[in-house]
Amino acid sequence: MRFLSGIQPSGTITLGNYIGAIKNFVKLQDNPDFTDFLVFVADMHAITVPQDKQALRKNIRSLVAIYLACGLNPEKVHIFIQSEVPAHAQLGWILQCTGYIGELERMTQYKDKAAKHQTDGVTVGLLTYPSLMAADILLYDTDCVPVGQDQKQHLELTRTLAERFNNKFGETFVVPEPYIAGAGAKIMSLTDPTKKMSKSDENPKAFISILDDINIIKKKIKSAVTDSDTKVKFDKENKPGISNLLTILSCCTNTSISDLEEKYKDATYAEFKEDVANAVAAEIEPIQKKYNELINSDFLDKVLDEGRDYATYLSNKKINKVMNKVGLGRKR
């Protein structure tokens, strides 16, 4: 079974990204059910909105270093950069010609991002990038794709495009299934625990970057919004702030939330937050140390070269098959 995931190199990786995705990937890479594991940097998706060239290149490299520092093993996981594999763009265009404008205009993320970028113009890519996302998945006969709530719509479109193409041209694509992560899949904002932690939040106190200074990380947790009660109890509806911190502590210490509730039943919020801050610091410090060793290393480039070559090999077989079915170019 083939597993695939991609993440945009648009800014920093948050604690939410780490707990909700990367930490799970580190566990899943040892799962014998996954015979092939691919992770890519979705840099082509990043340019649907304006990017600084130098910052984008820096973020691409930084993201790969973070993946490796968090524990992804290049002997088990193929890591590559999307734009270095031309078949992504080729299949993206073919799938644009398979989808319908109405399907793309219904995408919630398109509506949200278009509203934010009305002043500087909404690019065509912002509308059509779900077709490229579908290509990312379908190129590799992906069986399993990790999705959060905000990506379910895109995976459904991918499945629709795959089935439509298969019905028209014959069996070509594997129709992928979603992989829903378990506990800790959704880490919330530290300043507004009713919404997801996001690197695009305008308030830097709302999120924790994996590369934040350790003292700053601790300060952000200690100043996290809680409530006027004094009981450390998991209750998303009435105590979203405390529930979020319990989820973070549970994921960083591999301790059940019920055990943590028992441990902190007589603790003050200050005592509880102190322990959360220390646990997050203990989790992130070794990642930062490894990251600093990797960021400018030849090893990082070796990993990306090998990942690119493997992804190119797989994707070329698929795009040649697709082009033959559609009737593009000379028969191969």
Protein backbone atom coordinates (compact mmCIF):
# COMPACT_ATOMS: atom_id res chain seq x y z
CA MET A 1 0.00 0.00 0.00
CA ARG A 2 1.43 3.37 -1.03
CA PHE A 3 1.19 6.38 1.31
CA LEU A 4 1.75 9.95 0.11
CA SER A 5 1.67 13.37 1.72
CA GLY A 6 2.79 16.87 0.78
CA ILE A 7 3.09 20.15 2.65
CA GLN A 8 3.62 23.68 1.36
CA PRO A 9 6.89 25.46 2.19
CA SER A 10 5.06 28.68 3.04
CA GLY A 11 6.57 29.80 6.31
CA THR A 12 7.31 27.88 9.44
CA ILE A 13 6.22 24.43 10.63
CA THR A 14 4.09 24.70 13.75
CA LEU A 15 3.71 22.44 16.74
CA GLY A 16 0.31 21.60 15.26
CA ASN A 17 1.88 20.43 11.98
CA TYR A 18 4.40 18.38 13.94
CA ILE A 19 1.91 16.66 16.26
CA GLY A 20 -0.88 16.33 13.72
CA ALA A 21 1.19 15.14 10.78
CA ILE A 22 4.97 14.72 10.97
CA LYS A 23 5.05 12.88 14.31
CA ASN A 24 2.46 10.45 12.96
CA PHE A 25 4.50 9.98 9.77
CA VAL A 26 7.52 8.98 11.87
CA LYS A 27 5.39 6.24 13.45
CA LEU A 28 3.76 5.21 10.18
CA GLN A 29 7.07 4.79 8.33
CA ASP A 30 7.54 1.57 10.32
CA ASN A 31 4.05 0.29 9.55
CA PRO A 32 4.45 -2.88 7.44
CA ASP A 33 1.12 -2.14 5.72
CA PHE A 34 2.79 0.73 3.85
CA THR A 35 5.09 -0.79 1.25
CA ASP A 36 5.94 2.62 -0.21
CA PHE A 37 6.04 5.95 1.62
CA LEU A 38 6.39 9.26 -0.25
CA VAL A 39 6.58 12.76 1.24
CA PHE A 40 7.04 15.84 -0.91
CA VAL A 41 7.47 19.59 -0.60
CA ALA A 42 4.55 21.20 -2.45
CA ASP A 43 6.43 24.25 -3.71
CA MET A 44 4.29 24.63 -6.84
CA HIS A 45 1.23 25.04 -4.65
CA ALA A 46 2.97 27.78 -2.69
CA ILE A 47 3.12 30.14 -5.71
CA THR A 48 -0.68 30.38 -6.02
CA VAL A 49 -0.12 33.47 -3.85
CA PRO A 50 2.83 35.92 -4.10
CA GLN A 51 6.14 34.59 -2.77
CA ASP A 52 9.59 36.05 -2.29
CA LYS A 53 11.97 33.92 -4.38
CA GLN A 54 14.77 33.72 -1.84
CA ALA A 55 12.42 33.10 1.08
CA LEU A 56 10.66 30.32 -0.84
CA ARG A 57 13.93 28.52 -1.62
CA LYS A 58 15.01 28.88 2.00
CA ASN A 59 11.67 27.50 3.22
CA ILE A 60 11.88 24.50 0.86
CA ARG A 61 15.23 23.45 2.27
CA SER A 62 14.18 24.23 5.82
CA LEU A 63 11.08 22.05 5.52
CA VAL A 64 13.10 19.05 4.35
CA ALA A 65 15.60 19.54 7.19
CA ILE A 66 12.70 19.63 9.66
CA TYR A 67 11.25 16.41 8.23
CA LEU A 68 14.58 14.66 8.70
CA ALA A 69 15.23 16.22 12.12
CA CYS A 70 11.82 15.03 13.32
CA GLY A 71 12.76 11.45 12.49
CA LEU A 72 11.72 10.65 8.93
CA ASN A 73 14.17 8.02 7.74
CA PRO A 74 15.23 8.41 4.06
CA GLU A 75 15.86 4.66 3.95
CA LYS A 76 12.12 4.18 4.51
CA VAL A 77 10.63 7.40 3.11
CA HIS A 78 11.20 9.00 -0.29
CA ILE A 79 11.39 12.78 0.18
CA PHE A 80 11.35 15.06 -2.87
CA ILE A 81 10.48 18.52 -4.16
CA GLN A 82 7.32 18.69 -6.28
CA SER A 83 8.67 21.11 -8.91
CA GLU A 84 11.66 18.84 -9.59
CA VAL A 85 9.31 16.17 -10.98
CA PRO A 86 7.77 17.61 -14.21
CA ALA A 87 4.98 15.03 -14.44
CA HIS A 88 3.12 16.83 -11.63
CA ALA A 89 2.52 19.85 -13.85
CA GLN A 90 1.79 17.66 -16.90
CA LEU A 91 -0.89 15.63 -15.17
CA GLY A 92 -2.19 18.73 -13.40
CA TRP A 93 -3.07 20.25 -16.78
CA ILE A 94 -4.75 17.06 -18.02
CA LEU A 95 -6.84 16.93 -14.85
CA GLN A 96 -7.78 20.59 -15.27
CA CYS A 97 -9.25 19.51 -18.58
CA THR A 98 -11.08 16.69 -16.80
CA GLY A 99 -12.65 18.81 -14.05
CA TYR A 100 -15.35 21.48 -14.19
CA ILE A 101 -15.17 25.12 -13.10
CA GLY A 102 -18.17 24.68 -10.81
CA GLU A 103 -16.34 21.94 -8.91
CA LEU A 104 -13.35 24.20 -8.33
CA GLU A 105 -15.38 27.25 -7.39
CA ARG A 106 -17.07 25.24 -4.63
CA MET A 107 -13.77 24.60 -2.86
CA THR A 108 -13.94 26.22 0.58
CA GLN A 109 -10.21 26.99 0.66
CA TYR A 110 -10.47 28.79 -2.69
CA LYS A 111 -13.25 31.00 -1.33
CA ASP A 112 -11.29 31.77 1.84
CA LYS A 113 -7.99 32.52 0.10
CA ALA A 114 -9.64 34.49 -2.71
CA ALA A 115 -11.28 36.73 -0.11
CA LYS A 116 -7.86 37.41 1.49
CA HIS A 117 -6.14 38.23 -1.81
CA GLN A 118 -8.78 40.39 -3.51
CA THR A 119 -6.64 43.51 -3.19
CA ASP A 120 -3.56 42.04 -4.92
CA GLY A 121 -5.52 39.93 -7.40
CA VAL A 122 -6.70 36.33 -7.37
CA THR A 123 -4.56 34.09 -9.57
CA VAL A 124 -5.98 31.39 -11.82
CA GLY A 125 -3.74 28.95 -9.95
CA LEU A 126 -5.62 29.69 -6.73
CA LEU A 127 -8.75 28.35 -8.43
CA THR A 128 -7.23 25.40 -10.26
CA TYR A 129 -4.65 24.13 -7.76
CA PRO A 130 -6.95 21.29 -6.56
CA SER A 131 -6.36 19.77 -10.02
CA LEU A 132 -2.62 19.85 -9.34
CA MET A 133 -3.23 18.39 -5.90
CA ALA A 134 -5.16 15.57 -7.54
CA ALA A 135 -2.22 15.02 -9.90
CA ASP A 136 0.18 14.86 -6.94
CA ILE A 137 -1.84 11.95 -5.58
CA LEU A 138 -2.87 10.11 -8.74
CA LEU A 139 0.60 10.11 -10.32
CA TYR A 140 1.79 7.53 -7.83
CA ASP A 141 -1.20 5.17 -7.63
CA THR A 142 -1.53 6.37 -4.05
CA ASP A 143 -3.70 4.16 -1.86
CA CYS A 144 -3.73 6.29 1.25
CA VAL A 145 -3.61 10.08 1.83
CA PRO A 146 -3.61 11.73 5.27
CA VAL A 147 -6.26 14.44 5.37
CA GLY A 148 -7.47 16.93 7.93
CA GLN A 149 -10.97 18.34 7.98
CA ASP A 150 -9.91 21.20 5.69
CA GLN A 151 -8.57 18.83 3.02
CA LYS A 152 -11.43 16.33 2.79
CA GLN A 153 -13.07 18.35 0.01
CA HIS A 154 -9.90 18.21 -2.09
CA LEU A 155 -9.54 14.46 -1.69
CA GLU A 156 -13.16 13.99 -2.72
CA LEU A 157 -12.45 16.00 -5.88
CA THR A 158 -9.38 13.82 -6.50
CA ARG A 159 -11.53 10.72 -6.25
CA THR A 160 -14.12 12.26 -8.59
CA LEU A 161 -11.51 13.15 -11.21
CA ALA A 162 -9.93 9.69 -10.99
CA GLU A 163 -13.28 7.95 -11.45
CA ARG A 164 -14.30 10.27 -14.30
CA PHE A 165 -11.02 9.65 -16.14
CA ASN A 166 -11.25 5.89 -15.54
CA ASN A 167 -14.82 5.80 -16.85
CA LYS A 168 -13.87 7.70 -20.00
CA PHE A 169 -10.49 6.17 -20.83
CA GLY A 170 -10.44 2.85 -18.99
CA GLU A 171 -8.83 1.88 -15.67
CA THR A 172 -5.86 4.21 -15.20
CA PHE A 173 -5.81 5.64 -11.68
CA VAL A 174 -6.07 4.11 -8.24
CA VAL A 175 -8.91 5.88 -6.40
CA PRO A 176 -7.28 6.95 -3.10
CA GLU A 177 -8.71 6.54 0.37
CA PRO A 178 -8.35 9.06 3.22
CA TYR A 179 -6.17 8.33 6.22
CA ILE A 180 -7.56 10.03 9.31
CA ALA A 181 -5.02 10.55 12.08
CA GLY A 182 -5.93 9.71 15.65
CA ALA A 183 -5.47 11.69 18.85
CA GLY A 184 -3.67 14.97 18.51
CA ALA A 185 -4.63 15.36 14.87
CA LYS A 186 -5.82 18.90 15.48
CA ILE A 187 -3.89 21.30 17.70
CA MET A 188 -5.64 24.60 18.35
CA SER A 189 -4.51 28.20 18.57
CA LEU A 190 -2.99 29.27 21.88
CA THR A 191 -4.85 32.61 21.78
CA ASP A 192 -8.15 31.36 20.35
CA PRO A 193 -8.53 27.65 21.12
CA THR A 194 -11.74 27.44 19.09
CA LYS A 195 -9.73 27.59 15.84
CA LYS A 196 -6.87 25.49 14.48
CA MET A 197 -3.25 26.50 15.14
CA SER A 198 -2.01 28.12 11.93
CA LYS A 199 1.34 29.50 10.78
CA SER A 200 -0.58 32.22 8.90
CA ASP A 201 -2.09 33.60 12.12
CA GLU A 202 -1.34 37.31 12.45
CA ASN A 203 -0.74 36.91 16.19
CA PRO A 204 2.66 35.19 16.73
CA LYS A 205 1.53 34.15 20.24
CA ALA A 206 -1.17 31.96 18.67
CA PHE A 207 1.21 29.34 17.32
CA ILE A 208 4.49 27.66 18.19
CA SER A 209 7.09 27.27 15.48
CA ILE A 210 9.33 24.23 15.61
CA LEU A 211 12.22 26.67 15.18
CA ASP A 212 11.14 29.18 17.85
CA ASP A 213 13.63 29.91 20.60
CA ILE A 214 12.93 27.47 23.46
CA ASN A 215 12.35 30.29 25.98
CA ILE A 216 9.83 31.89 23.62
CA ILE A 217 8.03 28.56 23.26
CA LYS A 218 7.71 28.29 27.03
CA LYS A 219 6.42 31.86 27.32
CA LYS A 220 3.79 31.25 24.64
CA ILE A 221 2.46 28.20 26.47
CA LYS A 222 2.43 29.92 29.83
CA SER A 223 0.42 32.81 28.34
CA ALA A 224 -2.01 30.52 26.48
CA VAL A 225 -5.68 31.40 26.88
CA THR A 226 -7.52 29.11 29.31
CA ASP A 227 -10.64 30.02 31.35
CA SER A 228 -11.75 31.40 34.70
CA ASP A 229 -12.19 27.93 36.22
CA THR A 230 -9.35 26.25 38.10
CA LYS A 231 -9.89 22.59 37.20
CA VAL A 232 -7.61 20.79 34.72
CA LYS A 233 -10.20 18.79 32.83
CA PHE A 234 -10.71 17.78 29.18
CA ASP A 235 -13.89 19.48 27.93
CA LYS A 236 -13.61 20.86 24.41
CA GLU A 237 -16.87 22.76 24.57
CA ASN A 238 -16.53 24.47 27.94
CA LYS A 239 -12.74 24.39 28.43
CA PRO A 240 -11.18 24.53 24.93
CA GLY A 241 -7.92 26.11 26.12
CA ILE A 242 -7.20 23.55 28.84
CA SER A 243 -8.35 20.74 26.52
CA ASN A 244 -5.87 21.92 23.88
CA LEU A 245 -3.00 21.99 26.38
CA LEU A 246 -3.95 18.53 27.63
CA THR A 247 -3.86 17.25 24.05
CA ILE A 248 -0.42 18.80 23.51
CA LEU A 249 0.93 17.35 26.77
CA SER A 250 -0.58 13.93 25.98
CA CYS A 251 1.11 13.85 22.56
CA CYS A 252 4.47 15.05 23.87
CA THR A 253 4.62 12.60 26.78
CA ASN A 254 2.68 9.64 25.32
CA THR A 255 0.38 9.77 28.33
CA SER A 256 -3.39 9.33 28.10
CA ILE A 257 -5.53 12.38 28.76
CA SER A 258 -7.41 10.54 31.52
CA ASP A 259 -4.11 9.85 33.31
CA LEU A 260 -3.15 13.52 32.96
CA GLU A 261 -6.52 14.62 34.37
CA GLU A 262 -5.88 12.43 37.41
CA LYS A 263 -2.30 13.71 37.79
CA TYR A 264 -3.32 17.38 37.69
CA LYS A 265 -6.67 17.17 39.51
CA ASP A 266 -5.29 19.27 42.39
CA ALA A 267 -2.82 21.37 40.38
CA THR A 268 -3.12 25.07 39.61
CA TYR A 269 -3.21 26.26 36.01
CA ALA A 270 0.26 27.78 36.51
CA GLU A 271 1.69 24.43 37.62
CA PHE A 272 -0.01 22.62 34.77
CA LYS A 273 1.21 25.11 32.15
CA GLU A 274 4.75 24.89 33.53
CA ASP A 275 4.76 21.14 32.89
CA VAL A 276 3.27 21.56 29.42
CA ALA A 277 5.94 24.13 28.57
CA ASN A 278 8.74 21.84 29.78
CA ALA A 279 7.33 18.84 27.91
CA VAL A 280 7.10 20.76 24.63
CA ALA A 281 10.63 22.11 25.13
CA ALA A 282 11.94 18.58 25.76
CA GLU A 283 10.26 17.41 22.54
CA ILE A 284 11.51 20.25 20.35
CA GLU A 285 15.08 20.84 21.60
CA PRO A 286 16.58 17.68 20.01
CA ILE A 287 14.73 18.43 16.77
CA GLN A 288 16.28 21.89 16.64
CA LYS A 289 19.75 20.46 17.33
CA LYS A 290 19.41 17.94 14.49
CA TYR A 291 17.94 20.59 12.19
CA ASN A 292 20.99 22.83 12.66
CA GLU A 293 23.26 19.91 11.74
CA LEU A 294 21.28 19.16 8.57
CA ILE A 295 20.24 22.50 7.09
CA ASN A 296 23.43 23.14 5.11
CA SER A 297 24.62 19.54 4.76
CA ASP A 298 25.37 17.55 1.63
CA PHE A 299 23.31 14.75 3.14
CA LEU A 300 20.14 16.80 2.72
CA ASP A 301 20.88 17.24 -0.99
CA LYS A 302 21.61 13.52 -1.34
CA VAL A 303 18.21 12.69 0.17
CA LEU A 304 16.46 15.09 -2.21
CA ASP A 305 18.36 13.81 -5.27
CA GLU A 306 17.42 10.22 -4.48
CA GLY A 307 13.81 11.18 -3.75
CA ARG A 308 13.56 13.14 -7.02
CA ASP A 309 14.95 10.25 -9.05
CA TYR A 310 12.56 7.73 -7.51
CA ALA A 311 9.53 10.00 -7.92
CA THR A 312 10.52 10.74 -11.52
CA TYR A 313 10.79 7.03 -12.29
CA LEU A 314 7.32 6.29 -10.90
CA SER A 315 5.62 9.37 -12.31
CA ASN A 316 7.04 8.98 -15.82
CA LYS A 317 5.48 5.54 -16.12
CA LYS A 318 2.10 6.95 -15.13
CA ILE A 319 2.18 10.13 -17.24
CA ASN A 320 3.20 8.15 -20.35
CA LYS A 321 0.23 5.85 -19.80
CA VAL A 322 -2.11 8.81 -19.33
CA MET A 323 -0.85 10.62 -22.44
CA ASN A 324 -1.37 7.50 -24.52
CA LYS A 325 -4.91 7.15 -23.26
CA VAL A 326 -5.74 10.78 -23.99
CA GLY A 327 -3.99 10.75 -27.37
CA LEU A 328 -1.25 13.29 -26.66
CA GLY A 329 2.05 13.20 -28.55
CA ARG A 330 3.30 10.14 -30.38
CA LYS A 331 2.35 6.68 -29.17
CA ARG A 332 4.88 5.38 -26.69
